[in-house]
PDB file of N, CA and C in Angstrom:
ATOM      1  N   MET A   1      55.894  53.299  -6.491  1.00  0.00           N
ATOM      2  CA  MET A   1      54.992  51.982  -6.689  1.00  0.00           C
ATOM      3  C   MET A   1      53.723  52.313  -6.075  1.00  0.00           C
ATOM      4  N   LYS A   2      52.576  51.796  -6.575  1.00  0.00           N
ATOM      5  CA  LYS A   2      51.179  51.711  -6.242  1.00  0.00           C
ATOM      6  C   LYS A   2      51.171  50.624  -5.106  1.00  0.00           C
ATOM      7  N   ALA A   3      50.207  51.052  -4.345  1.00  0.00           N
ATOM      8  CA  ALA A   3      49.793  49.944  -3.327  1.00  0.00           C
ATOM      9  C   ALA A   3      49.462  48.763  -3.925  1.00  0.00           C
ATOM     10  N   ALA A   4      48.874  48.522  -5.012  1.00  0.00           N
ATOM     11  CA  ALA A   4      48.379  47.276  -5.586  1.00  0.00           C
ATOM     12  C   ALA A   4      49.435  46.408  -6.020  1.00  0.00           C
ATOM     13  N   GLU A   5      50.502  47.237  -6.520  1.00  0.00           N
ATOM     14  CA  GLU A   5      51.622  46.617  -7.036  1.00  0.00           C
ATOM     15  C   GLU A   5      52.744  46.368  -5.838  1.00  0.00           C
ATOM     16  N   ILE A   6      52.423  46.964  -4.487  1.00  0.00           N
ATOM     17  CA  ILE A   6      53.253  46.503  -3.460  1.00  0.00           C
ATOM     18  C   ILE A   6      52.371  45.023  -2.975  1.00  0.00           C
ATOM     19  N   SER A   7      51.465  45.189  -2.990  1.00  0.00           N
ATOM     20  CA  SER A   7      50.550  43.935  -2.462  1.00  0.00           C
ATOM     21  C   SER A   7      50.939  42.634  -3.178  1.00  0.00           C
ATOM     22  N   LEU A   8      51.085  42.782  -4.791  1.00  0.00           N
ATOM     23  CA  LEU A   8      51.036  41.986  -5.587  1.00  0.00           C
ATOM     24  C   LEU A   8      52.560  41.382  -5.257  1.00  0.00           C
ATOM     25  N   GLN A   9      53.761  42.395  -5.060  1.00  0.00           N
ATOM     26  CA  GLN A   9      55.050  41.777  -4.897  1.00  0.00           C
ATOM     27  C   GLN A   9      55.289  41.048  -3.509  1.00  0.00           C
ATOM     28  N   ARG A  10      54.349  41.472  -2.627  1.00  0.00           N
ATOM     29  CA  ARG A  10      54.289  40.995  -1.071  1.00  0.00           C
ATOM     30  C   ARG A  10      53.890  39.632  -1.193  1.00  0.00           C
ATOM     31  N   GLU A  11      52.856  39.482  -2.122  1.00  0.00           N
ATOM     32  CA  GLU A  11      52.150  38.255  -2.527  1.00  0.00           C
ATOM     33  C   GLU A  11      53.255  37.264  -3.155  1.00  0.00           C
ATOM     34  N   ARG A  12      53.499  37.683  -4.152  1.00  0.00           N
ATOM     35  CA  ARG A  12      54.903  37.055  -4.860  1.00  0.00           C
ATOM     36  C   ARG A  12      55.696  36.290  -3.842  1.00  0.00           C
ATOM     37  N   GLU A  13      56.419  37.596  -3.133  1.00  0.00           N
ATOM     38  CA  GLU A  13      57.835  36.953  -2.019  1.00  0.00           C
ATOM     39  C   GLU A  13      57.105  35.765  -1.085  1.00  0.00           C
ATOM     40  N   SER A  14      55.959  36.147  -0.662  1.00  0.00           N
ATOM     41  CA  SER A  14      55.379  34.858  -0.044  1.00  0.00           C
ATOM     42  C   SER A  14      55.182  33.656  -0.335  1.00  0.00           C
ATOM     43  N   LEU A  15      54.765  33.817  -1.722  1.00  0.00           N
ATOM     44  CA  LEU A  15      54.656  32.477  -2.345  1.00  0.00           C
ATOM     45  C   LEU A  15      55.964  31.764  -2.493  1.00  0.00           C
ATOM     46  N   GLU A  16      56.962  32.616  -3.070  1.00  0.00           N
ATOM     47  CA  GLU A  16      58.035  32.161  -3.541  1.00  0.00           C
ATOM     48  C   GLU A  16      59.002  31.649  -1.899  1.00  0.00           C
ATOM     49  N   LEU A  17      58.834  32.128  -0.917  1.00  0.00           N
ATOM     50  CA  LEU A  17      59.278  31.673   0.137  1.00  0.00           C
ATOM     51  C   LEU A  17      58.620  30.344   0.594  1.00  0.00           C
ATOM     52  N   SER A  18      57.265  30.401   0.665  1.00  0.00           N
ATOM     53  CA  SER A  18      56.581  29.050   0.653  1.00  0.00           C
ATOM     54  C   SER A  18      57.035  27.764  -0.207  1.00  0.00           C
ATOM     55  N   ARG A  19      57.377  28.286  -1.513  1.00  0.00           N
ATOM     56  CA  ARG A  19      57.959  26.990  -2.254  1.00  0.00           C
ATOM     57  C   ARG A  19      59.280  26.697  -2.067  1.00  0.00           C
ATOM     58  N   THR A  20      60.142  27.526  -1.902  1.00  0.00           N
ATOM     59  CA  THR A  20      61.358  27.385  -1.360  1.00  0.00           C
ATOM     60  C   THR A  20      61.615  26.542  -0.233  1.00  0.00           C
ATOM     61  N   ARG A  21      60.853  26.636   0.963  1.00  0.00           N
ATOM     62  CA  ARG A  21      60.670  25.792   2.116  1.00  0.00           C
ATOM     63  C   ARG A  21      59.866  24.328   1.773  1.00  0.00           C
ATOM     64  N   VAL A  22      58.895  24.463   0.726  1.00  0.00           N
ATOM     65  CA  VAL A  22      58.458  23.293   0.285  1.00  0.00           C
ATOM     66  C   VAL A  22      59.327  22.282  -0.458  1.00  0.00           C
ATOM     67  N   LEU A  23      60.087  23.016  -1.260  1.00  0.00           N
ATOM     68  CA  LEU A  23      61.234  22.332  -1.954  1.00  0.00           C
ATOM     69  C   LEU A  23      62.541  21.504  -1.181  1.00  0.00           C
ATOM     70  N   GLN A  24      62.780  22.418  -0.103  1.00  0.00           N
ATOM     71  CA  GLN A  24      63.814  21.951   0.906  1.00  0.00           C
ATOM     72  C   GLN A  24      63.073  20.881   1.784  1.00  0.00           C
ATOM     73  N   ASP A  25      62.054  20.938   2.142  1.00  0.00           N
ATOM     74  CA  ASP A  25      61.461  19.545   2.890  1.00  0.00           C
ATOM     75  C   ASP A  25      61.150  18.656   2.027  1.00  0.00           C
ATOM     76  N   LEU A  26      60.727  18.898   0.718  1.00  0.00           N
ATOM     77  CA  LEU A  26      60.505  17.516  -0.312  1.00  0.00           C
ATOM     78  C   LEU A  26      61.879  16.842  -0.284  1.00  0.00           C
ATOM     79  N   ALA A  27      63.023  17.389  -0.461  1.00  0.00           N
ATOM     80  CA  ALA A  27      64.362  17.129  -0.517  1.00  0.00           C
ATOM     81  C   ALA A  27      64.795  16.315   0.449  1.00  0.00           C
ATOM     82  N   LYS A  28      64.304  16.299   1.969  1.00  0.00           N
ATOM     83  CA  LYS A  28      64.326  15.655   3.289  1.00  0.00           C
ATOM     84  C   LYS A  28      63.780  14.735   3.430  1.00  0.00           C
ATOM     85  N   ALA A  29      62.580  14.638   2.953  1.00  0.00           N
ATOM     86  CA  ALA A  29      61.128  14.153   3.393  1.00  0.00           C
ATOM     87  C   ALA A  29      61.417  12.495   2.836  1.00  0.00           C
ATOM     88  N   GLU A  30      61.226  11.746   3.708  1.00  0.00           N
ATOM     89  CA  GLU A  30      61.515  10.257   3.524  1.00  0.00           C
ATOM     90  C   GLU A  30      59.998   9.565   3.652  1.00  0.00           C
ATOM     91  N   ASN A  31      58.886   9.905   4.154  1.00  0.00           N
ATOM     92  CA  ASN A  31      57.554   9.069   4.100  1.00  0.00           C
ATOM     93  C   ASN A  31      56.812   9.531   3.024  1.00  0.00           C
ATOM     94  N   PRO A  32      56.596   8.536   1.989  1.00  0.00           N
ATOM     95  CA  PRO A  32      55.996   8.663   0.943  1.00  0.00           C
ATOM     96  C   PRO A  32      54.762   9.362   0.828  1.00  0.00           C
ATOM     97  N   ARG A  33      53.982   9.335   1.891  1.00  0.00           N
ATOM     98  CA  ARG A  33      52.792  10.189   1.993  1.00  0.00           C
ATOM     99  C   ARG A  33      52.843  11.605   2.366  1.00  0.00           C
ATOM    100  N   TYR A  34      54.214  11.892   2.985  1.00  0.00           N
ATOM    101  CA  TYR A  34      54.488  13.123   3.337  1.00  0.00           C
ATOM    102  C   TYR A  34      54.799  13.938   1.794  1.00  0.00           C
ATOM    103  N   LYS A  35      55.648  13.088   1.298  1.00  0.00           N
ATOM    104  CA  LYS A  35      56.163  13.842   0.041  1.00  0.00           C
ATOM    105  C   LYS A  35      55.070  14.061  -0.903  1.00  0.00           C
ATOM    106  N   GLU A  36      53.914  13.386  -1.021  1.00  0.00           N
ATOM    107  CA  GLU A  36      52.942  13.457  -1.923  1.00  0.00           C
ATOM    108  C   GLU A  36      52.372  14.738  -1.417  1.00  0.00           C
ATOM    109  N   GLN A  37      51.938  14.809  -0.132  1.00  0.00           N
ATOM    110  CA  GLN A  37      51.695  16.568   0.207  1.00  0.00           C
ATOM    111  C   GLN A  37      52.475  17.274   0.006  1.00  0.00           C
ATOM    112  N   LEU A  38      53.674  17.302  -0.021  1.00  0.00           N
ATOM    113  CA  LEU A  38      54.518  18.264  -0.413  1.00  0.00           C
ATOM    114  C   LEU A  38      54.435  18.786  -1.952  1.00  0.00           C
ATOM    115  N   LYS A  39      54.471  17.827  -2.747  1.00  0.00           N
ATOM    116  CA  LYS A  39      54.148  17.605  -4.217  1.00  0.00           C
ATOM    117  C   LYS A  39      52.981  18.456  -4.359  1.00  0.00           C
ATOM    118  N   SER A  40      51.892  18.229  -3.803  1.00  0.00           N
ATOM    119  CA  SER A  40      50.622  18.741  -3.917  1.00  0.00           C
ATOM    120  C   SER A  40      50.505  20.196  -3.570  1.00  0.00           C
ATOM    121  N   ALA A  41      51.311  20.528  -2.500  1.00  0.00           N
ATOM    122  CA  ALA A  41      51.704  21.859  -2.072  1.00  0.00           C
ATOM    123  C   ALA A  41      52.410  22.734  -3.172  1.00  0.00           C
ATOM    124  N   LEU A  42      53.545  22.038  -3.466  1.00  0.00           N
ATOM    125  CA  LEU A  42      54.445  22.618  -4.695  1.00  0.00           C
ATOM    126  C   LEU A  42      53.726  22.913  -5.819  1.00  0.00           C
ATOM    127  N   MET A  43      52.889  21.767  -6.446  1.00  0.00           N
ATOM    128  CA  MET A  43      52.116  22.248  -7.261  1.00  0.00           C
ATOM    129  C   MET A  43      51.112  23.354  -7.322  1.00  0.00           C
ATOM    130  N   PHE A  44      50.432  23.637  -6.028  1.00  0.00           N
ATOM    131  CA  PHE A  44      49.434  24.478  -5.794  1.00  0.00           C
ATOM    132  C   PHE A  44      50.235  26.115  -5.889  1.00  0.00           C
ATOM    133  N   LEU A  45      51.229  26.037  -5.193  1.00  0.00           N
ATOM    134  CA  LEU A  45      52.065  27.171  -5.081  1.00  0.00           C
ATOM    135  C   LEU A  45      52.606  27.905  -6.536  1.00  0.00           C
ATOM    136  N   GLU A  46      53.011  26.745  -7.055  1.00  0.00           N
ATOM    137  CA  GLU A  46      53.415  26.982  -8.685  1.00  0.00           C
ATOM    138  C   GLU A  46      52.074  27.397  -9.528  1.00  0.00           C
ATOM    139  N   GLU A  47      51.235  27.029  -9.256  1.00  0.00           N
ATOM    140  CA  GLU A  47      49.975  27.665 -10.052  1.00  0.00           C
ATOM    141  C   GLU A  47      49.637  29.418  -9.337  1.00  0.00           C
ATOM    142  N   LYS A  48      49.812  28.939  -8.221  1.00  0.00           N
ATOM    143  CA  LYS A  48      49.387  30.637  -7.789  1.00  0.00           C
ATOM    144  C   LYS A  48      50.404  31.349  -8.431  1.00  0.00           C
ATOM    145  N   LEU A  49      51.761  31.228  -8.469  1.00  0.00           N
ATOM    146  CA  LEU A  49      52.841  31.891  -9.246  1.00  0.00           C
ATOM    147  C   LEU A  49      52.396  32.051 -10.697  1.00  0.00           C
ATOM    148  N   ALA A  50      52.183  31.340 -11.047  1.00  0.00           N
ATOM    149  CA  ALA A  50      51.855  31.319 -12.688  1.00  0.00           C
ATOM    150  C   ALA A  50      50.332  32.216 -12.967  1.00  0.00           C
ATOM    151  N   ALA A  51      49.570  32.034 -11.902  1.00  0.00           N
ATOM    152  CA  ALA A  51      48.591  33.130 -12.203  1.00  0.00           C
ATOM    153  C   ALA A  51      48.841  34.358 -11.665  1.00  0.00           C
ATOM    154  N   LEU A  52      49.952  34.521 -10.834  1.00  0.00           N
ATOM    155  CA  LEU A  52      50.342  36.132 -10.455  1.00  0.00           C
ATOM    156  C   LEU A  52      51.137  36.398 -11.786  1.00  0.00           C
ATOM    157  N   ASP A  53      51.931  35.679 -12.639  1.00  0.00           N
ATOM    158  CA  ASP A  53      52.770  35.901 -13.634  1.00  0.00           C
ATOM    159  C   ASP A  53      51.683  36.470 -14.628  1.00  0.00           C
ATOM    160  N   ARG A  54      50.634  35.869 -15.088  1.00  0.00           N
ATOM    161  CA  ARG A  54      49.752  36.329 -15.990  1.00  0.00           C
ATOM    162  C   ARG A  54      49.103  37.550 -15.729  1.00  0.00           C
ATOM    163  N   THR A  55      48.935  37.879 -14.382  1.00  0.00           N
ATOM    164  CA  THR A  55      48.461  39.418 -13.874  1.00  0.00           C
ATOM    165  C   THR A  55      49.474  40.322 -14.175  1.00  0.00           C
ATOM    166  N   THR A  56      50.449  40.092 -13.977  1.00  0.00           N
ATOM    167  CA  THR A  56      51.638  41.139 -13.664  1.00  0.00           C
ATOM    168  C   THR A  56      52.843  41.040 -15.084  1.00  0.00           C
ATOM    169  N   GLY A  57      52.611  40.000 -15.616  1.00  0.00           N
ATOM    170  CA  GLY A  57      53.510  39.721 -16.655  1.00  0.00           C
ATOM    171  C   GLY A  57      54.696  39.332 -16.791  1.00  0.00           C
ATOM    172  N   LYS A  58      54.821  38.839 -15.281  1.00  0.00           N
ATOM    173  CA  LYS A  58      56.266  38.233 -15.036  1.00  0.00           C
ATOM    174  C   LYS A  58      56.412  36.855 -15.187  1.00  0.00           C
ATOM    175  N   SER A  59      57.628  36.413 -14.991  1.00  0.00           N
ATOM    176  CA  SER A  59      57.811  35.043 -15.378  1.00  0.00           C
ATOM    177  C   SER A  59      58.480  34.448 -14.001  1.00  0.00           C
ATOM    178  N   LEU A  60      57.805  33.126 -13.612  1.00  0.00           N
ATOM    179  CA  LEU A  60      58.415  32.607 -12.275  1.00  0.00           C
ATOM    180  C   LEU A  60      60.058  32.275 -12.480  1.00  0.00           C
ATOM    181  N   THR A  61      60.512  32.126 -13.779  1.00  0.00           N
ATOM    182  CA  THR A  61      61.681  31.872 -13.909  1.00  0.00           C
ATOM    183  C   THR A  61      62.638  32.953 -13.748  1.00  0.00           C
ATOM    184  N   HIS A  62      62.209  34.205 -13.736  1.00  0.00           N
ATOM    185  CA  HIS A  62      62.826  35.468 -13.331  1.00  0.00           C
ATOM    186  C   HIS A  62      63.226  35.523 -11.692  1.00  0.00           C
ATOM    187  N   HIS A  63      62.554  34.786 -11.054  1.00  0.00           N
ATOM    188  CA  HIS A  63      62.458  35.249  -9.342  1.00  0.00           C
ATOM    189  C   HIS A  63      62.974  33.905  -8.821  1.00  0.00           C
ATOM    190  N   VAL A  64      63.582  32.786  -9.452  1.00  0.00           N
ATOM    191  CA  VAL A  64      63.841  31.446  -8.763  1.00  0.00           C
ATOM    192  C   VAL A  64      65.340  31.548  -8.758  1.00  0.00           C
TER     193      VAL A  64
END
């Protein structure tokens, strides 16, 4: 595996871990403002994952 591929894989793993954490926090959140922040964070992470998917040709659904 090339260094660039390893870097992309690590970035994907980091984004997926962050996404998982945001989803867990969102499931527990009660404060409406905090929920909105979490939803914004989730959208950001999903956009980053989608952009990474376009770069690598992989799909988010294969990794969730």
